[in-house]
Amino acid sequence: MNNIACIVFSPTGGNLKMIKSIKTFLDDYNVEIYNITKPQIRETFIEIPKKIDYVIIAFPIYADTLPDIVTEYLNKLLISNLPVSLIAGYGNIHIGKALFNAKTIIEAKGNVVCSACAIVLAHSYNGSKLQIAVNEPSNEKLKALNQFILKSINKVKHVSQLVICNTEIPEGHIRLLAKAPQKLFPQIFIKKPKVIHERCNHCNVCINMCPTAAIDNELNIDNGKCIRCLACVKYCRKKARLFKTRTQILTNTLMKEGKDLKKNAFFI
């Protein structure tokens, strides 16, 4: 076992940071990163190369479950009879059913989920009013994640049958607030990011980083496509993209639920 594929969806960079740390740590292995954040990559990279021995899939948690985009992608992904590790990055609020749902999709294709984890990341809605897990993941926690992935790989190396490596993951639950359709949920609480034209230098980084191709050449955002991931806000060097909540309810809820730093969860 030498060739590892890391598939990552990471609009604001937290999950990609984890995957890059894993790649650096696993320097004895041939690790390839496949960043499926951009829509054109998701459309073309749907088949795992035949040389791959092990797969790591990393994604954020949206409203207590997988992002709809990731669900759609995993259902299309051509992958079978491989060991898989799942990594879910979440903003210190709630793990929900994300890992369980990903495991269900992956194993329906004949693979074995041999490990899974939920890792606390800085919340993507952090700003002047919200400060949740701002320094996560710390270097110490990245080291713990790296060791966990190595342990998962070694677990697979020493078995005669892949099925022996199957890992149980609690089903979890989705809170009442998050049961609205995923596209509708953020639109209820968050306005689409606004352009401050006086600051904008038309570098188009917001267009290039948008995971749903929701921003046109005039910098207008298609409200129907926008998932409120805030990639356009995070990557704008001129701070020409701003977002506002429609109601204080969301901010208050996140501040309350994210006040105390949660522990990372590991299943193996």
C-alpha atoms as a PDB file:
ATOM      1  CA  MET A   1       0.000   0.000   0.000  1.00  0.00           C
ATOM      2  CA  ASN A   2       1.741   3.120  -1.234  1.00  0.00           C
ATOM      3  CA  ASN A   3      -0.571   5.320  -3.315  1.00  0.00           C
ATOM      4  CA  ILE A   4      -3.064   7.510  -1.450  1.00  0.00           C
ATOM      5  CA  ALA A   5      -5.692   9.796  -2.961  1.00  0.00           C
ATOM      6  CA  CYS A   6      -6.933  12.723  -0.869  1.00  0.00           C
ATOM      7  CA  ILE A   7     -10.221  14.126  -2.149  1.00  0.00           C
ATOM      8  CA  VAL A   8     -11.121  17.438  -0.534  1.00  0.00           C
ATOM      9  CA  PHE A   9     -13.951  19.951  -0.757  1.00  0.00           C
ATOM     10  CA  SER A  10     -12.831  23.115   1.017  1.00  0.00           C
ATOM     11  CA  PRO A  11     -14.401  26.477   0.060  1.00  0.00           C
ATOM     12  CA  THR A  12     -12.694  28.450   2.847  1.00  0.00           C
ATOM     13  CA  GLY A  13      -9.519  26.382   3.152  1.00  0.00           C
ATOM     14  CA  GLY A  14      -9.855  24.624   6.519  1.00  0.00           C
ATOM     15  CA  ASN A  15     -10.184  21.102   5.172  1.00  0.00           C
ATOM     16  CA  LEU A  16      -7.489  21.718   2.571  1.00  0.00           C
ATOM     17  CA  LYS A  17      -5.128  22.802   5.362  1.00  0.00           C
ATOM     18  CA  MET A  18      -5.689  19.458   7.087  1.00  0.00           C
ATOM     19  CA  ILE A  19      -5.121  17.471   3.911  1.00  0.00           C
ATOM     20  CA  LYS A  20      -1.896  19.350   3.139  1.00  0.00           C
ATOM     21  CA  SER A  21      -0.678  18.579   6.647  1.00  0.00           C
ATOM     22  CA  ILE A  22      -1.422  14.887   6.112  1.00  0.00           C
ATOM     23  CA  LYS A  23       0.411  14.882   2.773  1.00  0.00           C
ATOM     24  CA  THR A  24       3.505  16.440   4.355  1.00  0.00           C
ATOM     25  CA  PHE A  25       3.410  13.980   7.253  1.00  0.00           C
ATOM     26  CA  LEU A  26       3.011  10.896   5.050  1.00  0.00           C
ATOM     27  CA  ASP A  27       6.277  11.519   3.245  1.00  0.00           C
ATOM     28  CA  ASP A  28       6.916   7.769   2.876  1.00  0.00           C
ATOM     29  CA  TYR A  29       3.798   7.481   0.704  1.00  0.00           C
ATOM     30  CA  ASN A  30       2.797   8.785  -2.698  1.00  0.00           C
ATOM     31  CA  VAL A  31      -0.015  11.157  -1.724  1.00  0.00           C
ATOM     32  CA  GLU A  32      -2.008  13.000  -4.382  1.00  0.00           C
ATOM     33  CA  ILE A  33      -4.462  15.772  -3.495  1.00  0.00           C
ATOM     34  CA  TYR A  34      -7.594  16.144  -5.616  1.00  0.00           C
ATOM     35  CA  ASN A  35      -9.270  19.439  -4.717  1.00  0.00           C
ATOM     36  CA  ILE A  36     -12.888  19.195  -5.914  1.00  0.00           C
ATOM     37  CA  THR A  37     -13.942  22.603  -4.612  1.00  0.00           C
ATOM     38  CA  LYS A  38     -14.282  24.128  -8.071  1.00  0.00           C
ATOM     39  CA  PRO A  39     -17.278  22.916 -10.101  1.00  0.00           C
ATOM     40  CA  GLN A  40     -15.268  22.122 -13.241  1.00  0.00           C
ATOM     41  CA  ILE A  41     -13.069  19.723 -11.239  1.00  0.00           C
ATOM     42  CA  ARG A  42     -16.102  17.972  -9.741  1.00  0.00           C
ATOM     43  CA  GLU A  43     -17.453  17.451 -13.232  1.00  0.00           C
ATOM     44  CA  THR A  44     -14.267  15.854 -14.575  1.00  0.00           C
ATOM     45  CA  PHE A  45     -12.673  14.033 -11.641  1.00  0.00           C
ATOM     46  CA  ILE A  46     -15.200  11.309 -10.896  1.00  0.00           C
ATOM     47  CA  GLU A  47     -13.005   8.216 -11.324  1.00  0.00           C
ATOM     48  CA  ILE A  48     -10.269   7.182  -8.904  1.00  0.00           C
ATOM     49  CA  PRO A  49      -7.008   6.207 -10.689  1.00  0.00           C
ATOM     50  CA  LYS A  50      -6.523   2.432 -10.751  1.00  0.00           C
ATOM     51  CA  LYS A  51      -3.153   2.685  -8.981  1.00  0.00           C
ATOM     52  CA  ILE A  52      -4.730   4.100  -5.790  1.00  0.00           C
ATOM     53  CA  ASP A  53      -4.558   1.885  -2.693  1.00  0.00           C
ATOM     54  CA  TYR A  54      -6.200   4.119  -0.099  1.00  0.00           C
ATOM     55  CA  VAL A  55      -8.596   7.076  -0.178  1.00  0.00           C
ATOM     56  CA  ILE A  56      -9.052   9.990   2.235  1.00  0.00           C
ATOM     57  CA  ILE A  57     -12.114  12.203   1.767  1.00  0.00           C
ATOM     58  CA  ALA A  58     -12.351  15.551   3.573  1.00  0.00           C
ATOM     59  CA  PHE A  59     -15.321  17.898   3.636  1.00  0.00           C
ATOM     60  CA  PRO A  60     -16.979  20.558   5.832  1.00  0.00           C
ATOM     61  CA  ILE A  61     -20.196  20.042   7.756  1.00  0.00           C
ATOM     62  CA  TYR A  62     -23.100  22.234   6.654  1.00  0.00           C
ATOM     63  CA  ALA A  63     -26.275  22.361   8.755  1.00  0.00           C
ATOM     64  CA  ASP A  64     -25.434  19.123  10.586  1.00  0.00           C
ATOM     65  CA  THR A  65     -24.764  17.046   7.477  1.00  0.00           C
ATOM     66  CA  LEU A  66     -22.826  16.798   4.227  1.00  0.00           C
ATOM     67  CA  PRO A  67     -22.938  19.783   1.906  1.00  0.00           C
ATOM     68  CA  ASP A  68     -25.417  18.983  -0.875  1.00  0.00           C
ATOM     69  CA  ILE A  69     -22.555  19.496  -3.331  1.00  0.00           C
ATOM     70  CA  VAL A  70     -20.502  16.778  -1.629  1.00  0.00           C
ATOM     71  CA  THR A  71     -23.466  14.403  -1.488  1.00  0.00           C
ATOM     72  CA  GLU A  72     -24.026  14.826  -5.233  1.00  0.00           C
ATOM     73  CA  TYR A  73     -20.335  14.331  -5.937  1.00  0.00           C
ATOM     74  CA  LEU A  74     -19.930  11.199  -3.812  1.00  0.00           C
ATOM     75  CA  ASN A  75     -22.945   9.642  -5.491  1.00  0.00           C
ATOM     76  CA  LYS A  76     -21.220  10.145  -8.872  1.00  0.00           C
ATOM     77  CA  LEU A  77     -17.732   9.141  -7.743  1.00  0.00           C
ATOM     78  CA  LEU A  78     -16.523   5.884  -9.308  1.00  0.00           C
ATOM     79  CA  ILE A  79     -14.816   4.117  -6.441  1.00  0.00           C
ATOM     80  CA  SER A  80     -15.037   0.495  -5.308  1.00  0.00           C
ATOM     81  CA  ASN A  81     -13.296  -2.058  -3.094  1.00  0.00           C
ATOM     82  CA  LEU A  82     -11.022   0.479  -1.425  1.00  0.00           C
ATOM     83  CA  PRO A  83     -10.311   1.445   2.189  1.00  0.00           C
ATOM     84  CA  VAL A  84     -11.521   4.969   2.967  1.00  0.00           C
ATOM     85  CA  SER A  85     -10.930   7.454   5.773  1.00  0.00           C
ATOM     86  CA  LEU A  86     -13.438  10.271   6.242  1.00  0.00           C
ATOM     87  CA  ILE A  87     -12.521  13.681   7.670  1.00  0.00           C
ATOM     88  CA  ALA A  88     -15.271  16.176   8.496  1.00  0.00           C
ATOM     89  CA  GLY A  89     -14.243  19.692   9.457  1.00  0.00           C
ATOM     90  CA  TYR A  90     -16.807  21.551  11.537  1.00  0.00           C
ATOM     91  CA  GLY A  91     -17.004  25.003  13.077  1.00  0.00           C
ATOM     92  CA  ASN A  92     -17.244  23.877  16.716  1.00  0.00           C
ATOM     93  CA  ILE A  93     -21.052  23.644  16.603  1.00  0.00           C
ATOM     94  CA  HIS A  94     -22.434  20.179  15.829  1.00  0.00           C
ATOM     95  CA  ILE A  95     -21.243  17.042  14.021  1.00  0.00           C
ATOM     96  CA  GLY A  96     -24.748  15.891  13.170  1.00  0.00           C
ATOM     97  CA  LYS A  97     -25.084  13.099  10.603  1.00  0.00           C
ATOM     98  CA  ALA A  98     -22.308  14.148   8.226  1.00  0.00           C
ATOM     99  CA  LEU A  99     -19.908  11.240   8.832  1.00  0.00           C
ATOM    100  CA  PHE A 100     -22.685   8.664   8.982  1.00  0.00           C
ATOM    101  CA  ASN A 101     -24.206   9.882   5.721  1.00  0.00           C
ATOM    102  CA  ALA A 102     -20.838   9.917   3.946  1.00  0.00           C
ATOM    103  CA  LYS A 103     -20.095   6.386   5.176  1.00  0.00           C
ATOM    104  CA  THR A 104     -23.469   5.182   3.875  1.00  0.00           C
ATOM    105  CA  ILE A 105     -22.784   6.541   0.377  1.00  0.00           C
ATOM    106  CA  ILE A 106     -19.191   5.273   0.210  1.00  0.00           C
ATOM    107  CA  GLU A 107     -19.989   1.774   1.458  1.00  0.00           C
ATOM    108  CA  ALA A 108     -22.957   1.414  -0.910  1.00  0.00           C
ATOM    109  CA  LYS A 109     -20.321   1.412  -3.668  1.00  0.00           C
ATOM    110  CA  GLY A 110     -18.521  -1.580  -2.149  1.00  0.00           C
ATOM    111  CA  ASN A 111     -15.817   0.248  -0.203  1.00  0.00           C
ATOM    112  CA  VAL A 112     -14.936  -0.002   3.488  1.00  0.00           C
ATOM    113  CA  VAL A 113     -14.774   3.041   5.742  1.00  0.00           C
ATOM    114  CA  CYS A 114     -11.920   2.050   8.043  1.00  0.00           C
ATOM    115  CA  SER A 115     -11.809   5.281  10.033  1.00  0.00           C
ATOM    116  CA  ALA A 116     -13.528   8.639  10.400  1.00  0.00           C
ATOM    117  CA  CYS A 117     -13.062  11.811  12.373  1.00  0.00           C
ATOM    118  CA  ALA A 118     -14.665  15.188  12.992  1.00  0.00           C
ATOM    119  CA  ILE A 119     -12.152  17.997  13.469  1.00  0.00           C
ATOM    120  CA  VAL A 120     -12.889  21.446  14.894  1.00  0.00           C
ATOM    121  CA  LEU A 121     -12.051  24.287  12.495  1.00  0.00           C
ATOM    122  CA  ALA A 122     -12.412  28.046  12.776  1.00  0.00           C
ATOM    123  CA  HIS A 123     -16.024  28.805  11.908  1.00  0.00           C
ATOM    124  CA  SER A 124     -16.428  30.111   8.363  1.00  0.00           C
ATOM    125  CA  TYR A 125     -18.798  32.864   9.560  1.00  0.00           C
ATOM    126  CA  ASN A 126     -16.213  34.356  11.911  1.00  0.00           C
ATOM    127  CA  GLY A 127     -15.869  38.102  11.713  1.00  0.00           C
ATOM    128  CA  SER A 128     -16.214  41.170  13.895  1.00  0.00           C
ATOM    129  CA  LYS A 129     -19.328  39.806  15.604  1.00  0.00           C
ATOM    130  CA  LEU A 130     -18.458  36.130  15.702  1.00  0.00           C
ATOM    131  CA  GLN A 131     -15.260  34.514  16.980  1.00  0.00           C
ATOM    132  CA  ILE A 132     -15.576  30.731  17.204  1.00  0.00           C
ATOM    133  CA  ALA A 133     -12.556  28.386  17.370  1.00  0.00           C
ATOM    134  CA  VAL A 134     -10.504  31.076  15.646  1.00  0.00           C
ATOM    135  CA  ASN A 135      -7.144  29.304  16.035  1.00  0.00           C
ATOM    136  CA  GLU A 136      -8.309  25.841  15.048  1.00  0.00           C
ATOM    137  CA  PRO A 137      -6.966  23.474  14.053  1.00  0.00           C
ATOM    138  CA  SER A 138      -3.867  24.073  16.166  1.00  0.00           C
ATOM    139  CA  ASN A 139      -0.542  22.501  15.202  1.00  0.00           C
ATOM    140  CA  GLU A 140      -0.958  20.069  18.085  1.00  0.00           C
ATOM    141  CA  LYS A 141      -4.319  18.912  16.772  1.00  0.00           C
ATOM    142  CA  LEU A 142      -2.991  18.596  13.229  1.00  0.00           C
ATOM    143  CA  LYS A 143      -0.291  16.296  14.588  1.00  0.00           C
ATOM    144  CA  ALA A 144      -2.959  14.195  16.308  1.00  0.00           C
ATOM    145  CA  LEU A 145      -4.904  13.992  13.039  1.00  0.00           C
ATOM    146  CA  ASN A 146      -1.792  12.936  11.131  1.00  0.00           C
ATOM    147  CA  GLN A 147      -1.083  10.153  13.624  1.00  0.00           C
ATOM    148  CA  PHE A 148      -4.697   9.017  13.430  1.00  0.00           C
ATOM    149  CA  ILE A 149      -4.552   8.710   9.639  1.00  0.00           C
ATOM    150  CA  LEU A 150      -1.272   6.779   9.857  1.00  0.00           C
ATOM    151  CA  LYS A 151      -2.871   4.449  12.401  1.00  0.00           C
ATOM    152  CA  SER A 152      -5.790   3.929  10.000  1.00  0.00           C
ATOM    153  CA  ILE A 153      -3.462   3.043   7.136  1.00  0.00           C
ATOM    154  CA  ASN A 154      -1.502   0.612   9.303  1.00  0.00           C
ATOM    155  CA  LYS A 155      -4.760  -0.961  10.406  1.00  0.00           C
ATOM    156  CA  VAL A 156      -5.547  -1.865   6.795  1.00  0.00           C
ATOM    157  CA  LYS A 157      -2.019  -3.123   6.113  1.00  0.00           C
ATOM    158  CA  HIS A 158      -2.261  -5.889   8.678  1.00  0.00           C
ATOM    159  CA  VAL A 159      -5.554  -7.567   7.792  1.00  0.00           C
ATOM    160  CA  SER A 160      -6.281 -10.424   5.427  1.00  0.00           C
ATOM    161  CA  GLN A 161      -9.704  -9.078   4.410  1.00  0.00           C
ATOM    162  CA  LEU A 162     -10.674  -5.447   3.960  1.00  0.00           C
ATOM    163  CA  VAL A 163     -14.111  -5.955   5.501  1.00  0.00           C
ATOM    164  CA  ILE A 164     -12.466  -6.581   8.881  1.00  0.00           C
ATOM    165  CA  CYS A 165     -11.497  -2.885   8.952  1.00  0.00           C
ATOM    166  CA  ASN A 166     -15.073  -1.599   8.915  1.00  0.00           C
ATOM    167  CA  THR A 167     -15.563   1.160  11.500  1.00  0.00           C
ATOM    168  CA  GLU A 168     -18.817   1.885  13.301  1.00  0.00           C
ATOM    169  CA  ILE A 169     -19.906   5.535  13.281  1.00  0.00           C
ATOM    170  CA  PRO A 170     -22.784   6.845  15.423  1.00  0.00           C
ATOM    171  CA  GLU A 171     -25.721   7.898  13.266  1.00  0.00           C
ATOM    172  CA  GLY A 172     -26.045  11.266  14.962  1.00  0.00           C
ATOM    173  CA  HIS A 173     -28.974  13.603  14.495  1.00  0.00           C
ATOM    174  CA  ILE A 174     -29.970  16.834  12.798  1.00  0.00           C
ATOM    175  CA  ARG A 175     -31.241  19.656  14.987  1.00  0.00           C
ATOM    176  CA  LEU A 176     -34.670  21.101  14.301  1.00  0.00           C
ATOM    177  CA  LEU A 177     -33.168  24.415  13.147  1.00  0.00           C
ATOM    178  CA  ALA A 178     -31.101  22.643  10.479  1.00  0.00           C
ATOM    179  CA  LYS A 179     -33.901  20.547   8.976  1.00  0.00           C
ATOM    180  CA  ALA A 180     -34.794  23.154   6.359  1.00  0.00           C
ATOM    181  CA  PRO A 181     -33.572  22.371   2.819  1.00  0.00           C
ATOM    182  CA  GLN A 182     -29.850  23.083   2.731  1.00  0.00           C
ATOM    183  CA  LYS A 183     -30.055  25.701  -0.024  1.00  0.00           C
ATOM    184  CA  LEU A 184     -32.849  27.477   1.796  1.00  0.00           C
ATOM    185  CA  PHE A 185     -31.319  27.385   5.286  1.00  0.00           C
ATOM    186  CA  PRO A 186     -28.445  29.858   4.746  1.00  0.00           C
ATOM    187  CA  GLN A 187     -30.577  32.125   2.577  1.00  0.00           C
ATOM    188  CA  ILE A 188     -33.049  32.512   5.432  1.00  0.00           C
ATOM    189  CA  PHE A 189     -30.372  33.735   7.830  1.00  0.00           C
ATOM    190  CA  ILE A 190     -27.610  35.286   5.713  1.00  0.00           C
ATOM    191  CA  LYS A 191     -27.704  37.875   2.954  1.00  0.00           C
ATOM    192  CA  LYS A 192     -25.584  37.107  -0.094  1.00  0.00           C
ATOM    193  CA  PRO A 193     -22.169  38.811   0.160  1.00  0.00           C
ATOM    194  CA  LYS A 194     -22.191  42.388  -1.035  1.00  0.00           C
ATOM    195  CA  VAL A 195     -19.556  44.050  -3.227  1.00  0.00           C
ATOM    196  CA  ILE A 196     -18.022  47.327  -2.087  1.00  0.00           C
ATOM    197  CA  HIS A 197     -17.035  48.657  -5.498  1.00  0.00           C
ATOM    198  CA  GLU A 198     -14.803  51.399  -4.090  1.00  0.00           C
ATOM    199  CA  ARG A 199     -12.463  48.725  -2.646  1.00  0.00           C
ATOM    200  CA  CYS A 200     -12.674  46.225  -5.503  1.00  0.00           C
ATOM    201  CA  ASN A 201      -9.762  46.035  -7.963  1.00  0.00           C
ATOM    202  CA  HIS A 202     -11.470  43.427 -10.189  1.00  0.00           C
ATOM    203  CA  CYS A 203      -8.876  40.735  -9.528  1.00  0.00           C
ATOM    204  CA  ASN A 204     -11.689  38.152  -9.973  1.00  0.00           C
ATOM    205  CA  VAL A 205     -10.455  36.012  -7.078  1.00  0.00           C
ATOM    206  CA  CYS A 206     -14.036  35.815  -5.807  1.00  0.00           C
ATOM    207  CA  ILE A 207     -15.159  34.411  -9.162  1.00  0.00           C
ATOM    208  CA  ASN A 208     -12.329  31.895  -9.257  1.00  0.00           C
ATOM    209  CA  MET A 209     -12.826  30.680  -5.681  1.00  0.00           C
ATOM    210  CA  CYS A 210     -16.605  30.301  -5.759  1.00  0.00           C
ATOM    211  CA  PRO A 211     -17.458  26.568  -5.484  1.00  0.00           C
ATOM    212  CA  THR A 212     -20.799  26.915  -7.264  1.00  0.00           C
ATOM    213  CA  ALA A 213     -19.946  29.363 -10.089  1.00  0.00           C
ATOM    214  CA  ALA A 214     -22.464  31.760  -8.560  1.00  0.00           C
ATOM    215  CA  ILE A 215     -20.552  34.962  -9.420  1.00  0.00           C
ATOM    216  CA  ASP A 216     -20.675  36.410 -12.935  1.00  0.00           C
ATOM    217  CA  ASN A 217     -18.108  38.621 -14.676  1.00  0.00           C
ATOM    218  CA  GLU A 218     -19.854  41.732 -13.371  1.00  0.00           C
ATOM    219  CA  LEU A 219     -19.342  40.390  -9.827  1.00  0.00           C
ATOM    220  CA  ASN A 220     -23.057  39.810  -9.318  1.00  0.00           C
ATOM    221  CA  ILE A 221     -24.047  36.796  -7.212  1.00  0.00           C
ATOM    222  CA  ASP A 222     -26.805  34.426  -8.314  1.00  0.00           C
ATOM    223  CA  ASN A 223     -28.814  34.018  -5.115  1.00  0.00           C
ATOM    224  CA  GLY A 224     -30.092  30.620  -6.217  1.00  0.00           C
ATOM    225  CA  LYS A 225     -26.561  29.244  -6.659  1.00  0.00           C
ATOM    226  CA  CYS A 226     -24.936  30.909  -3.648  1.00  0.00           C
ATOM    227  CA  ILE A 227     -24.540  28.497  -0.717  1.00  0.00           C
ATOM    228  CA  ARG A 228     -23.215  31.197   1.663  1.00  0.00           C
ATOM    229  CA  CYS A 229     -19.875  29.425   2.114  1.00  0.00           C
ATOM    230  CA  LEU A 230     -18.236  32.894   2.174  1.00  0.00           C
ATOM    231  CA  ALA A 231     -15.231  31.854   0.088  1.00  0.00           C
ATOM    232  CA  CYS A 232     -15.564  35.143  -1.787  1.00  0.00           C
ATOM    233  CA  VAL A 233     -15.364  37.050   1.511  1.00  0.00           C
ATOM    234  CA  LYS A 234     -12.423  35.086   2.889  1.00  0.00           C
ATOM    235  CA  TYR A 235     -10.188  35.284  -0.180  1.00  0.00           C
ATOM    236  CA  CYS A 236     -10.782  38.930  -1.100  1.00  0.00           C
ATOM    237  CA  ARG A 237      -7.532  40.722  -0.213  1.00  0.00           C
ATOM    238  CA  LYS A 238      -9.166  44.148  -0.543  1.00  0.00           C
ATOM    239  CA  LYS A 239     -12.020  43.276   1.842  1.00  0.00           C
ATOM    240  CA  ALA A 240     -14.418  44.264  -0.898  1.00  0.00           C
ATOM    241  CA  ARG A 241     -16.875  41.489  -0.038  1.00  0.00           C
ATOM    242  CA  LEU A 242     -18.993  41.764   3.092  1.00  0.00           C
ATOM    243  CA  PHE A 243     -21.795  39.635   4.469  1.00  0.00           C
ATOM    244  CA  LYS A 244     -24.547  40.320   6.966  1.00  0.00           C
ATOM    245  CA  THR A 245     -27.007  38.113   8.786  1.00  0.00           C
ATOM    246  CA  ARG A 246     -30.694  38.768   8.236  1.00  0.00           C
ATOM    247  CA  THR A 247     -31.446  38.228  11.898  1.00  0.00           C
ATOM    248  CA  GLN A 248     -29.551  38.176  15.181  1.00  0.00           C
ATOM    249  CA  ILE A 249     -30.967  34.709  15.893  1.00  0.00           C
ATOM    250  CA  LEU A 250     -28.252  32.905  13.927  1.00  0.00           C
ATOM    251  CA  THR A 251     -25.396  34.882  15.493  1.00  0.00           C
ATOM    252  CA  ASN A 252     -26.787  34.377  19.001  1.00  0.00           C
ATOM    253  CA  THR A 253     -27.277  30.656  18.417  1.00  0.00           C
ATOM    254  CA  LEU A 254     -23.761  30.163  17.050  1.00  0.00           C
ATOM    255  CA  MET A 255     -22.198  32.204  19.850  1.00  0.00           C
ATOM    256  CA  LYS A 256     -24.019  30.125  22.458  1.00  0.00           C
ATOM    257  CA  GLU A 257     -23.345  26.714  20.908  1.00  0.00           C
ATOM    258  CA  GLY A 258     -19.751  27.483  19.910  1.00  0.00           C
ATOM    259  CA  LYS A 259     -18.669  29.184  23.126  1.00  0.00           C
ATOM    260  CA  ASP A 260     -16.797  26.213  24.579  1.00  0.00           C
ATOM    261  CA  LEU A 261     -14.189  24.518  22.415  1.00  0.00           C
ATOM    262  CA  LYS A 262     -15.322  20.997  21.578  1.00  0.00           C
ATOM    263  CA  LYS A 263     -13.113  17.933  21.309  1.00  0.00           C
ATOM    264  CA  ASN A 264     -12.260  16.283  18.029  1.00  0.00           C
ATOM    265  CA  ALA A 265     -14.027  12.949  17.514  1.00  0.00           C
ATOM    266  CA  PHE A 266     -12.151   9.894  16.232  1.00  0.00           C
ATOM    267  CA  PHE A 267     -13.661   6.576  15.113  1.00  0.00           C
ATOM    268  CA  ILE A 268     -11.495   3.604  14.183  1.00  0.00           C
END
